[in-house]
Protein backbone atom coordinates (compact mmCIF):
# COMPACT_ATOMS: atom_id res chain seq x y z
CA MET A 1 105.75 -40.61 6.16
CA LEU A 2 106.35 -41.40 9.80
CA ILE A 3 109.89 -41.59 11.14
CA ALA A 4 109.75 -43.59 14.36
CA GLY A 5 112.19 -43.96 17.16
CA SER A 6 114.61 -41.12 17.75
CA THR A 7 115.39 -37.40 17.75
CA GLY A 8 119.03 -37.91 16.73
CA ARG A 9 120.98 -37.13 13.59
CA LEU A 10 119.44 -39.75 11.29
CA PRO A 11 115.81 -38.69 11.83
CA LYS A 12 116.78 -35.03 11.41
CA LEU A 13 118.61 -35.83 8.16
CA LEU A 14 115.61 -37.81 6.89
CA VAL A 15 113.27 -34.94 7.79
CA GLU A 16 115.48 -32.46 5.93
CA LEU A 17 115.72 -34.65 2.82
CA LEU A 18 112.02 -35.53 2.74
CA SER A 19 110.75 -32.01 3.36
CA ALA A 20 113.13 -30.64 0.70
CA ARG A 21 111.39 -32.99 -1.76
CA GLY A 22 107.93 -31.78 -0.75
CA ALA A 23 107.01 -34.51 1.73
CA ARG A 24 105.47 -33.77 5.11
CA PRO A 25 107.33 -36.13 7.45
CA CYS A 26 106.14 -36.76 11.01
CA VAL A 27 108.40 -38.04 13.79
CA ALA A 28 107.51 -40.22 16.78
CA ALA A 29 110.25 -40.11 19.39
CA ALA A 30 111.00 -39.56 23.05
CA GLU A 31 110.64 -36.11 24.54
CA GLY A 32 113.36 -33.65 23.60
CA GLY A 33 114.55 -32.53 20.21
CA ALA A 34 111.09 -31.69 18.88
CA ASP A 35 111.98 -28.05 18.18
CA ALA A 36 115.03 -29.02 16.09
CA LEU A 37 112.99 -31.55 14.12
CA GLN A 38 110.25 -29.01 13.40
CA ARG A 39 112.86 -26.44 12.32
CA ALA A 40 114.27 -29.13 9.98
CA GLY A 41 110.85 -29.53 8.38
CA ALA A 42 108.87 -32.10 10.40
CA SER A 43 105.16 -31.41 10.06
CA ALA A 44 104.52 -32.97 13.49
CA VAL A 45 106.56 -34.47 16.31
CA PHE A 46 104.88 -36.93 18.69
CA ASN A 47 106.25 -37.91 22.09
CA HIS A 48 105.67 -41.64 21.81
CA HIS A 49 105.84 -42.00 25.59
CA ALA A 50 102.99 -39.50 26.15
CA GLU A 51 100.68 -39.97 23.16
CA SER A 52 99.76 -42.63 20.66
CA PHE A 53 101.03 -41.63 17.24
CA THR A 54 98.96 -44.44 15.75
CA GLU A 55 95.79 -42.81 17.07
CA GLN A 56 96.90 -39.35 15.94
CA LEU A 57 97.80 -40.48 12.41
CA ALA A 58 95.22 -43.23 11.77
CA GLY A 59 93.37 -42.71 8.51
CA THR A 60 95.58 -39.84 7.33
CA GLY A 61 96.81 -41.69 4.27
CA LEU A 62 100.30 -42.22 5.65
CA SER A 63 102.42 -43.76 2.91
CA ALA A 64 105.35 -45.22 4.86
CA VAL A 65 106.86 -45.82 8.28
CA VAL A 66 110.62 -45.75 8.85
CA ASP A 67 111.85 -47.30 12.11
CA VAL A 68 115.30 -45.77 12.60
CA VAL A 69 116.02 -47.68 15.81
CA GLY A 70 114.93 -51.13 14.68
CA ARG A 71 113.02 -51.87 17.86
CA GLU A 72 109.51 -52.24 16.43
CA GLU A 73 108.77 -55.88 17.11
CA GLU A 74 105.51 -56.00 15.18
CA PRO A 75 105.71 -53.63 12.20
CA GLY A 76 102.55 -55.16 10.72
CA TRP A 77 100.59 -53.90 13.71
CA VAL A 78 101.87 -50.36 13.14
CA ARG A 79 100.97 -50.47 9.44
CA GLU A 80 97.52 -51.82 10.23
CA ALA A 81 96.89 -49.28 13.02
CA LEU A 82 97.88 -46.42 10.73
CA GLY A 83 95.83 -47.70 7.81
CA CYS A 84 98.80 -48.18 5.51
CA ALA A 85 98.87 -51.99 5.63
């Protein structure tokens, strides 16, 4: 699962809940907060300003994308780029 959009409280809570249930959540967010997210259980944290998380995660069998900010204007493009359309 990819959590996109933030390094705040909601993504950290989602990471904690998902990793406690055996998932391996990834987070795409702005720089800062990566250490806290990894300590909470994120398997990877991508700086979406510096690297393309769609390229990094394409073809990995990603099962879901959660946009916690609600700014993704074309969610179909993200699903297609990640191979989870």
